[in-house]
C-alpha atoms as a PDB file:
ATOM      1  CA  UNK A   1       1.514 -24.177   9.098  1.00  0.00           C
ATOM      2  CA  UNK A   2      -0.067 -24.174  12.548  1.00  0.00           C
ATOM      3  CA  UNK A   3       1.195 -20.655  13.095  1.00  0.00           C
ATOM      4  CA  UNK A   4      -0.298 -19.471   9.795  1.00  0.00           C
ATOM      5  CA  UNK A   5      -3.652 -21.121  10.742  1.00  0.00           C
ATOM      6  CA  UNK A   6      -3.583 -19.486  14.110  1.00  0.00           C
ATOM      7  CA  UNK A   7      -2.897 -16.076  12.598  1.00  0.00           C
ATOM      8  CA  UNK A   8      -5.740 -16.591  10.036  1.00  0.00           C
ATOM      9  CA  UNK A   9      -8.214 -17.666  12.663  1.00  0.00           C
ATOM     10  CA  UNK A  10      -7.262 -14.477  14.814  1.00  0.00           C
ATOM     11  CA  UNK A  11      -7.764 -12.054  11.996  1.00  0.00           C
ATOM     12  CA  UNK A  12     -11.007 -13.800  10.850  1.00  0.00           C
ATOM     13  CA  UNK A  13     -12.409 -13.598  14.418  1.00  0.00           C
ATOM     14  CA  UNK A  14     -11.240 -10.007  14.786  1.00  0.00           C
ATOM     15  CA  UNK A  15     -12.961  -9.169  11.499  1.00  0.00           C
ATOM     16  CA  UNK A  16     -16.181 -10.810  12.428  1.00  0.00           C
ATOM     17  CA  UNK A  17     -16.298  -9.107  15.806  1.00  0.00           C
ATOM     18  CA  UNK A  18     -15.522  -5.630  14.325  1.00  0.00           C
ATOM     19  CA  UNK A  19     -18.081  -6.188  11.508  1.00  0.00           C
ATOM     20  CA  UNK A  20     -20.845  -7.150  14.013  1.00  0.00           C
ATOM     21  CA  UNK A  21     -19.811  -4.432  16.354  1.00  0.00           C
ATOM     22  CA  UNK A  22     -20.085  -1.610  13.706  1.00  0.00           C
ATOM     23  CA  UNK A  23     -23.381  -3.011  12.463  1.00  0.00           C
ATOM     24  CA  UNK A  24     -24.846  -2.772  15.963  1.00  0.00           C
ATOM     25  CA  UNK A  25     -23.392   0.646  16.381  1.00  0.00           C
ATOM     26  CA  UNK A  26     -25.150   1.840  13.072  1.00  0.00           C
ATOM     27  CA  UNK A  27     -28.512   0.452  14.310  1.00  0.00           C
ATOM     28  CA  UNK A  28     -28.100   1.957  17.759  1.00  0.00           C
ATOM     29  CA  UNK A  29     -27.370   5.313  16.215  1.00  0.00           C
ATOM     30  CA  UNK A  30     -30.775   5.341  14.520  1.00  0.00           C
ATOM     31  CA  UNK A  31     -32.204   6.368  17.927  1.00  0.00           C
ATOM     32  CA  UNK A  32     -29.246   7.354  19.968  1.00  0.00           C
ATOM     33  CA  UNK A  33     -26.979  10.369  19.317  1.00  0.00           C
ATOM     34  CA  UNK A  34     -23.245   9.685  18.606  1.00  0.00           C
ATOM     35  CA  UNK A  35     -21.437  10.233  21.927  1.00  0.00           C
ATOM     36  CA  UNK A  36     -18.256  11.727  20.112  1.00  0.00           C
ATOM     37  CA  UNK A  37     -16.784  11.841  16.685  1.00  0.00           C
ATOM     38  CA  UNK A  38     -13.220  11.681  15.533  1.00  0.00           C
ATOM     39  CA  UNK A  39     -13.300  15.081  14.147  1.00  0.00           C
ATOM     40  CA  UNK A  40     -14.489  16.459  17.533  1.00  0.00           C
ATOM     41  CA  UNK A  41     -11.663  14.524  19.402  1.00  0.00           C
ATOM     42  CA  UNK A  42      -9.084  15.990  16.892  1.00  0.00           C
ATOM     43  CA  UNK A  43     -10.538  19.464  17.429  1.00  0.00           C
ATOM     44  CA  UNK A  44     -10.218  19.109  21.259  1.00  0.00           C
ATOM     45  CA  UNK A  45      -6.570  17.632  21.005  1.00  0.00           C
ATOM     46  CA  UNK A  46      -5.578  20.588  18.731  1.00  0.00           C
ATOM     47  CA  UNK A  47      -6.765  23.094  21.395  1.00  0.00           C
ATOM     48  CA  UNK A  48      -9.967  24.279  19.627  1.00  0.00           C
ATOM     49  CA  UNK A  49     -12.226  22.859  22.055  1.00  0.00           C
ATOM     50  CA  UNK A  50     -15.367  20.511  21.552  1.00  0.00           C
ATOM     51  CA  UNK A  51     -18.558  22.287  22.176  1.00  0.00           C
ATOM     52  CA  UNK A  52     -21.793  20.524  21.059  1.00  0.00           C
ATOM     53  CA  UNK A  53     -25.544  20.351  21.972  1.00  0.00           C
ATOM     54  CA  UNK A  54     -27.730  17.727  20.418  1.00  0.00           C
ATOM     55  CA  UNK A  55     -31.319  18.611  19.697  1.00  0.00           C
ATOM     56  CA  UNK A  56     -34.105  16.761  17.758  1.00  0.00           C
ATOM     57  CA  UNK A  57     -34.997  17.688  14.208  1.00  0.00           C
ATOM     58  CA  UNK A  58     -38.247  19.040  15.639  1.00  0.00           C
ATOM     59  CA  UNK A  59     -36.333  21.581  17.569  1.00  0.00           C
ATOM     60  CA  UNK A  60     -34.413  22.893  14.668  1.00  0.00           C
ATOM     61  CA  UNK A  61     -36.058  25.734  12.624  1.00  0.00           C
ATOM     62  CA  UNK A  62     -37.428  25.164   9.198  1.00  0.00           C
ATOM     63  CA  UNK A  63     -34.744  27.623   7.994  1.00  0.00           C
ATOM     64  CA  UNK A  64     -31.954  25.654   9.526  1.00  0.00           C
ATOM     65  CA  UNK A  65     -33.012  22.574   7.774  1.00  0.00           C
ATOM     66  CA  UNK A  66     -33.744  24.122   4.414  1.00  0.00           C
ATOM     67  CA  UNK A  67     -30.377  26.133   4.517  1.00  0.00           C
ATOM     68  CA  UNK A  68     -28.142  23.236   4.707  1.00  0.00           C
ATOM     69  CA  UNK A  69     -30.121  21.352   1.919  1.00  0.00           C
ATOM     70  CA  UNK A  70     -29.960  24.484  -0.282  1.00  0.00           C
ATOM     71  CA  UNK A  71     -26.211  24.816   0.522  1.00  0.00           C
ATOM     72  CA  UNK A  72     -24.927  21.313   0.547  1.00  0.00           C
ATOM     73  CA  UNK A  73     -27.224  18.937  -1.155  1.00  0.00           C
ATOM     74  CA  UNK A  74     -30.322  20.035  -3.214  1.00  0.00           C
ATOM     75  CA  UNK A  75     -30.990  16.608  -4.360  1.00  0.00           C
ATOM     76  CA  UNK A  76     -31.063  15.174  -0.793  1.00  0.00           C
ATOM     77  CA  UNK A  77     -34.628  13.900  -0.830  1.00  0.00           C
ATOM     78  CA  UNK A  78     -34.142  12.165  -4.201  1.00  0.00           C
ATOM     79  CA  UNK A  79     -30.887  10.297  -4.196  1.00  0.00           C
ATOM     80  CA  UNK A  80     -29.918   7.051  -2.577  1.00  0.00           C
ATOM     81  CA  UNK A  81     -26.889   8.514  -0.911  1.00  0.00           C
ATOM     82  CA  UNK A  82     -24.747   9.491  -3.824  1.00  0.00           C
ATOM     83  CA  UNK A  83     -25.108  12.345  -6.439  1.00  0.00           C
ATOM     84  CA  UNK A  84     -23.304  10.557  -9.234  1.00  0.00           C
ATOM     85  CA  UNK A  85     -23.587  13.558 -11.533  1.00  0.00           C
ATOM     86  CA  UNK A  86     -22.248  15.872  -8.876  1.00  0.00           C
ATOM     87  CA  UNK A  87     -19.341  13.336  -8.289  1.00  0.00           C
ATOM     88  CA  UNK A  88     -18.520  13.274 -11.909  1.00  0.00           C
ATOM     89  CA  UNK A  89     -18.439  17.059 -12.227  1.00  0.00           C
ATOM     90  CA  UNK A  90     -16.223  17.220  -9.178  1.00  0.00           C
ATOM     91  CA  UNK A  91     -13.779  14.751 -10.502  1.00  0.00           C
ATOM     92  CA  UNK A  92     -13.628  16.468 -13.868  1.00  0.00           C
ATOM     93  CA  UNK A  93     -13.045  19.802 -12.145  1.00  0.00           C
ATOM     94  CA  UNK A  94     -10.220  18.451  -9.932  1.00  0.00           C
ATOM     95  CA  UNK A  95      -8.586  16.939 -13.046  1.00  0.00           C
ATOM     96  CA  UNK A  96      -8.678  20.261 -14.831  1.00  0.00           C
ATOM     97  CA  UNK A  97      -7.448  22.248 -11.743  1.00  0.00           C
ATOM     98  CA  UNK A  98      -5.272  19.926  -9.650  1.00  0.00           C
ATOM     99  CA  UNK A  99      -4.264  22.756  -7.463  1.00  0.00           C
ATOM    100  CA  UNK A 100      -7.935  23.111  -6.141  1.00  0.00           C
ATOM    101  CA  UNK A 101     -10.189  20.459  -4.737  1.00  0.00           C
ATOM    102  CA  UNK A 102     -14.013  20.433  -5.208  1.00  0.00           C
ATOM    103  CA  UNK A 103     -16.113  17.990  -3.392  1.00  0.00           C
ATOM    104  CA  UNK A 104     -19.185  16.150  -4.546  1.00  0.00           C
ATOM    105  CA  UNK A 105     -20.322  14.714  -1.284  1.00  0.00           C
ATOM    106  CA  UNK A 106     -23.961  14.475  -0.468  1.00  0.00           C
ATOM    107  CA  UNK A 107     -25.323  15.240   3.053  1.00  0.00           C
ATOM    108  CA  UNK A 108     -25.500  11.366   3.446  1.00  0.00           C
ATOM    109  CA  UNK A 109     -21.852  10.975   2.562  1.00  0.00           C
ATOM    110  CA  UNK A 110     -20.724  13.920   4.890  1.00  0.00           C
ATOM    111  CA  UNK A 111     -22.821  12.434   7.684  1.00  0.00           C
ATOM    112  CA  UNK A 112     -21.174   8.980   7.223  1.00  0.00           C
ATOM    113  CA  UNK A 113     -17.704  10.589   7.303  1.00  0.00           C
ATOM    114  CA  UNK A 114     -18.432  12.852  10.242  1.00  0.00           C
ATOM    115  CA  UNK A 115     -19.835  10.091  12.467  1.00  0.00           C
ATOM    116  CA  UNK A 116     -17.762   7.043  11.648  1.00  0.00           C
ATOM    117  CA  UNK A 117     -14.505   8.241   9.932  1.00  0.00           C
ATOM    118  CA  UNK A 118     -11.803  10.733   9.914  1.00  0.00           C
ATOM    119  CA  UNK A 119     -11.171  13.724   7.582  1.00  0.00           C
ATOM    120  CA  UNK A 120      -8.871  13.021   4.626  1.00  0.00           C
ATOM    121  CA  UNK A 121      -9.093  12.122   0.941  1.00  0.00           C
ATOM    122  CA  UNK A 122      -7.432   8.706   0.975  1.00  0.00           C
ATOM    123  CA  UNK A 123      -9.005   5.966  -1.046  1.00  0.00           C
ATOM    124  CA  UNK A 124      -9.395   3.881   2.140  1.00  0.00           C
ATOM    125  CA  UNK A 125     -11.515   6.525   3.827  1.00  0.00           C
ATOM    126  CA  UNK A 126     -13.613   6.995   0.656  1.00  0.00           C
ATOM    127  CA  UNK A 127     -14.308   3.304   0.290  1.00  0.00           C
ATOM    128  CA  UNK A 128     -15.342   3.084   3.934  1.00  0.00           C
ATOM    129  CA  UNK A 129     -17.439   6.265   3.469  1.00  0.00           C
ATOM    130  CA  UNK A 130     -19.326   4.578   0.573  1.00  0.00           C
ATOM    131  CA  UNK A 131     -20.102   1.547   2.778  1.00  0.00           C
ATOM    132  CA  UNK A 132     -21.410   3.625   5.669  1.00  0.00           C
ATOM    133  CA  UNK A 133     -23.426   5.901   3.426  1.00  0.00           C
ATOM    134  CA  UNK A 134     -25.110   2.924   2.012  1.00  0.00           C
ATOM    135  CA  UNK A 135     -25.895   1.584   5.436  1.00  0.00           C
ATOM    136  CA  UNK A 136     -27.322   4.716   6.862  1.00  0.00           C
ATOM    137  CA  UNK A 137     -29.482   5.355   3.928  1.00  0.00           C
ATOM    138  CA  UNK A 138     -30.899   1.861   4.409  1.00  0.00           C
ATOM    139  CA  UNK A 139     -31.155   1.796   8.181  1.00  0.00           C
ATOM    140  CA  UNK A 140     -31.604   5.437   9.197  1.00  0.00           C
ATOM    141  CA  UNK A 141     -33.590   7.111   6.608  1.00  0.00           C
ATOM    142  CA  UNK A 142     -33.528  10.807   5.371  1.00  0.00           C
ATOM    143  CA  UNK A 143     -34.976  12.506   8.436  1.00  0.00           C
ATOM    144  CA  UNK A 144     -32.509  10.716  10.822  1.00  0.00           C
ATOM    145  CA  UNK A 145     -29.509  11.447   8.558  1.00  0.00           C
ATOM    146  CA  UNK A 146     -30.337  15.154   8.448  1.00  0.00           C
ATOM    147  CA  UNK A 147     -30.861  15.337  12.175  1.00  0.00           C
ATOM    148  CA  UNK A 148     -27.407  13.615  12.820  1.00  0.00           C
ATOM    149  CA  UNK A 149     -25.665  15.767  10.207  1.00  0.00           C
ATOM    150  CA  UNK A 150     -26.949  18.927  11.777  1.00  0.00           C
ATOM    151  CA  UNK A 151     -25.930  17.857  15.309  1.00  0.00           C
ATOM    152  CA  UNK A 152     -22.319  16.801  14.333  1.00  0.00           C
ATOM    153  CA  UNK A 153     -21.394  19.061  11.550  1.00  0.00           C
ATOM    154  CA  UNK A 154     -18.498  21.238  12.427  1.00  0.00           C
ATOM    155  CA  UNK A 155     -19.704  24.910  12.325  1.00  0.00           C
ATOM    156  CA  UNK A 156     -16.739  26.722  13.707  1.00  0.00           C
ATOM    157  CA  UNK A 157     -13.583  26.283  15.678  1.00  0.00           C
ATOM    158  CA  UNK A 158     -14.447  23.844  18.406  1.00  0.00           C
ATOM    159  CA  UNK A 159     -18.285  24.317  17.563  1.00  0.00           C
ATOM    160  CA  UNK A 160     -20.255  21.466  16.372  1.00  0.00           C
ATOM    161  CA  UNK A 161     -23.975  21.315  15.517  1.00  0.00           C
ATOM    162  CA  UNK A 162     -26.619  23.844  14.560  1.00  0.00           C
ATOM    163  CA  UNK A 163     -27.814  24.273  18.124  1.00  0.00           C
ATOM    164  CA  UNK A 164     -24.356  25.162  19.361  1.00  0.00           C
ATOM    165  CA  UNK A 165     -23.760  27.413  16.387  1.00  0.00           C
ATOM    166  CA  UNK A 166     -27.071  29.254  16.936  1.00  0.00           C
ATOM    167  CA  UNK A 167     -26.267  29.806  20.746  1.00  0.00           C
ATOM    168  CA  UNK A 168     -22.754  30.930  20.037  1.00  0.00           C
ATOM    169  CA  UNK A 169     -23.264  33.265  17.157  1.00  0.00           C
ATOM    170  CA  UNK A 170     -26.791  34.613  17.679  1.00  0.00           C
ATOM    171  CA  UNK A 171     -27.617  33.814  21.291  1.00  0.00           C
ATOM    172  CA  UNK A 172     -30.724  31.844  20.485  1.00  0.00           C
ATOM    173  CA  UNK A 173     -31.812  28.204  20.059  1.00  0.00           C
ATOM    174  CA  UNK A 174     -31.652  26.556  16.641  1.00  0.00           C
ATOM    175  CA  UNK A 175     -35.563  26.526  16.514  1.00  0.00           C
ATOM    176  CA  UNK A 176     -35.582  30.271  16.419  1.00  0.00           C
ATOM    177  CA  UNK A 177     -33.010  30.869  13.587  1.00  0.00           C
ATOM    178  CA  UNK A 178     -34.056  33.280  10.972  1.00  0.00           C
ATOM    179  CA  UNK A 179     -33.539  32.710   7.188  1.00  0.00           C
ATOM    180  CA  UNK A 180     -30.464  35.031   7.252  1.00  0.00           C
ATOM    181  CA  UNK A 181     -28.857  33.377  10.331  1.00  0.00           C
ATOM    182  CA  UNK A 182     -29.410  29.907   9.080  1.00  0.00           C
ATOM    183  CA  UNK A 183     -27.998  30.833   5.700  1.00  0.00           C
ATOM    184  CA  UNK A 184     -24.871  32.388   7.275  1.00  0.00           C
ATOM    185  CA  UNK A 185     -24.180  29.113   9.366  1.00  0.00           C
ATOM    186  CA  UNK A 186     -24.692  26.990   6.233  1.00  0.00           C
ATOM    187  CA  UNK A 187     -22.344  29.207   4.191  1.00  0.00           C
ATOM    188  CA  UNK A 188     -19.430  28.443   6.474  1.00  0.00           C
ATOM    189  CA  UNK A 189     -19.813  24.541   6.342  1.00  0.00           C
ATOM    190  CA  UNK A 190     -17.228  24.026   3.477  1.00  0.00           C
ATOM    191  CA  UNK A 191     -14.474  25.210   5.850  1.00  0.00           C
ATOM    192  CA  UNK A 192     -15.832  26.580   9.208  1.00  0.00           C
ATOM    193  CA  UNK A 193     -12.376  27.186  10.580  1.00  0.00           C
ATOM    194  CA  UNK A 194     -11.551  29.573   7.645  1.00  0.00           C
ATOM    195  CA  UNK A 195     -14.891  31.036   6.803  1.00  0.00           C
ATOM    196  CA  UNK A 196     -16.341  32.609  10.100  1.00  0.00           C
ATOM    197  CA  UNK A 197     -19.818  33.421  10.910  1.00  0.00           C
ATOM    198  CA  UNK A 198     -18.980  35.911  13.552  1.00  0.00           C
ATOM    199  CA  UNK A 199     -17.202  38.154  12.738  1.00  0.00           C
ATOM    200  CA  UNK A 200     -18.696  37.374   9.239  1.00  0.00           C
ATOM    201  CA  UNK A 201     -16.269  36.771   6.584  1.00  0.00           C
ATOM    202  CA  UNK A 202     -16.640  38.268   3.023  1.00  0.00           C
ATOM    203  CA  UNK A 203     -17.063  34.709   1.796  1.00  0.00           C
ATOM    204  CA  UNK A 204     -19.896  33.877   4.148  1.00  0.00           C
ATOM    205  CA  UNK A 205     -21.611  37.100   3.511  1.00  0.00           C
ATOM    206  CA  UNK A 206     -21.601  36.581  -0.250  1.00  0.00           C
ATOM    207  CA  UNK A 207     -22.478  32.913  -0.157  1.00  0.00           C
ATOM    208  CA  UNK A 208     -25.272  33.251   2.307  1.00  0.00           C
ATOM    209  CA  UNK A 209     -27.037  35.545  -0.065  1.00  0.00           C
ATOM    210  CA  UNK A 210     -26.818  32.963  -2.716  1.00  0.00           C
ATOM    211  CA  UNK A 211     -28.175  30.282  -0.321  1.00  0.00           C
ATOM    212  CA  UNK A 212     -31.065  32.403   0.656  1.00  0.00           C
ATOM    213  CA  UNK A 213     -32.097  32.801  -2.995  1.00  0.00           C
ATOM    214  CA  UNK A 214     -31.907  28.904  -3.262  1.00  0.00           C
ATOM    215  CA  UNK A 215     -33.848  28.513  -0.175  1.00  0.00           C
ATOM    216  CA  UNK A 216     -36.708  30.579  -1.600  1.00  0.00           C
ATOM    217  CA  UNK A 217     -36.590  28.462  -4.799  1.00  0.00           C
ATOM    218  CA  UNK A 218     -36.629  25.194  -2.783  1.00  0.00           C
ATOM    219  CA  UNK A 219     -39.160  26.300  -0.123  1.00  0.00           C
ATOM    220  CA  UNK A 220     -42.312  24.988  -2.063  1.00  0.00           C
ATOM    221  CA  UNK A 221     -40.639  21.650  -2.912  1.00  0.00           C
ATOM    222  CA  UNK A 222     -42.923  18.893  -1.590  1.00  0.00           C
ATOM    223  CA  UNK A 223     -40.158  16.203  -1.319  1.00  0.00           C
ATOM    224  CA  UNK A 224     -38.121  18.562   0.765  1.00  0.00           C
ATOM    225  CA  UNK A 225     -41.227  19.513   2.866  1.00  0.00           C
ATOM    226  CA  UNK A 226     -41.724  15.867   3.583  1.00  0.00           C
ATOM    227  CA  UNK A 227     -38.429  15.629   5.267  1.00  0.00           C
ATOM    228  CA  UNK A 228     -38.136  18.993   6.991  1.00  0.00           C
ATOM    229  CA  UNK A 229     -41.863  19.850   7.594  1.00  0.00           C
ATOM    230  CA  UNK A 230     -43.761  22.844   6.506  1.00  0.00           C
ATOM    231  CA  UNK A 231     -42.942  26.412   7.630  1.00  0.00           C
END
């Protein structure tokens, strides 16, 4: 009985310490950039490297910010972290075509996954992703979520963030990316190891054209402009 109580106290204290620790970490990351992510570490271990350069949202071009919203999450300004209709459609699609996988993750969910978790589709990871998504929506806000996302998102083999992608593919800072260039980087986001920006794969070439059309459509949206600024 004493052994059981000792084990219970140990696990309870460990849980409390871990819970407080992660809460502090979330709050700190509202102002401090994540030092490293699990995805970056795995990339380094697998031999792909781990190149990244953090920049503020103000040092990213309007095109870069608009491209990822047009590509990944057009309802980003309006939802609370979860696009329930998109999730439902993804689940329906995956049931009809079990050999393929379609995601319904928002930028907020992808940011939570990239910063705090690992890349797989287990129920444990999805559950933790839901928790961290809720927390960063409440603590960070939309602008900080977008900023962190654009700094940690994998944009190629061993390449992370919009600044590193801009420098690697186009030899310029992210604040100078054109609409075409930003759309090309955004087009590769679903699988940046497979869909290459340079040399440009056929998938990226075709998808970037669609993204540019959506960018033109979303450009006047006031809710989006409130997050990314005016061009």
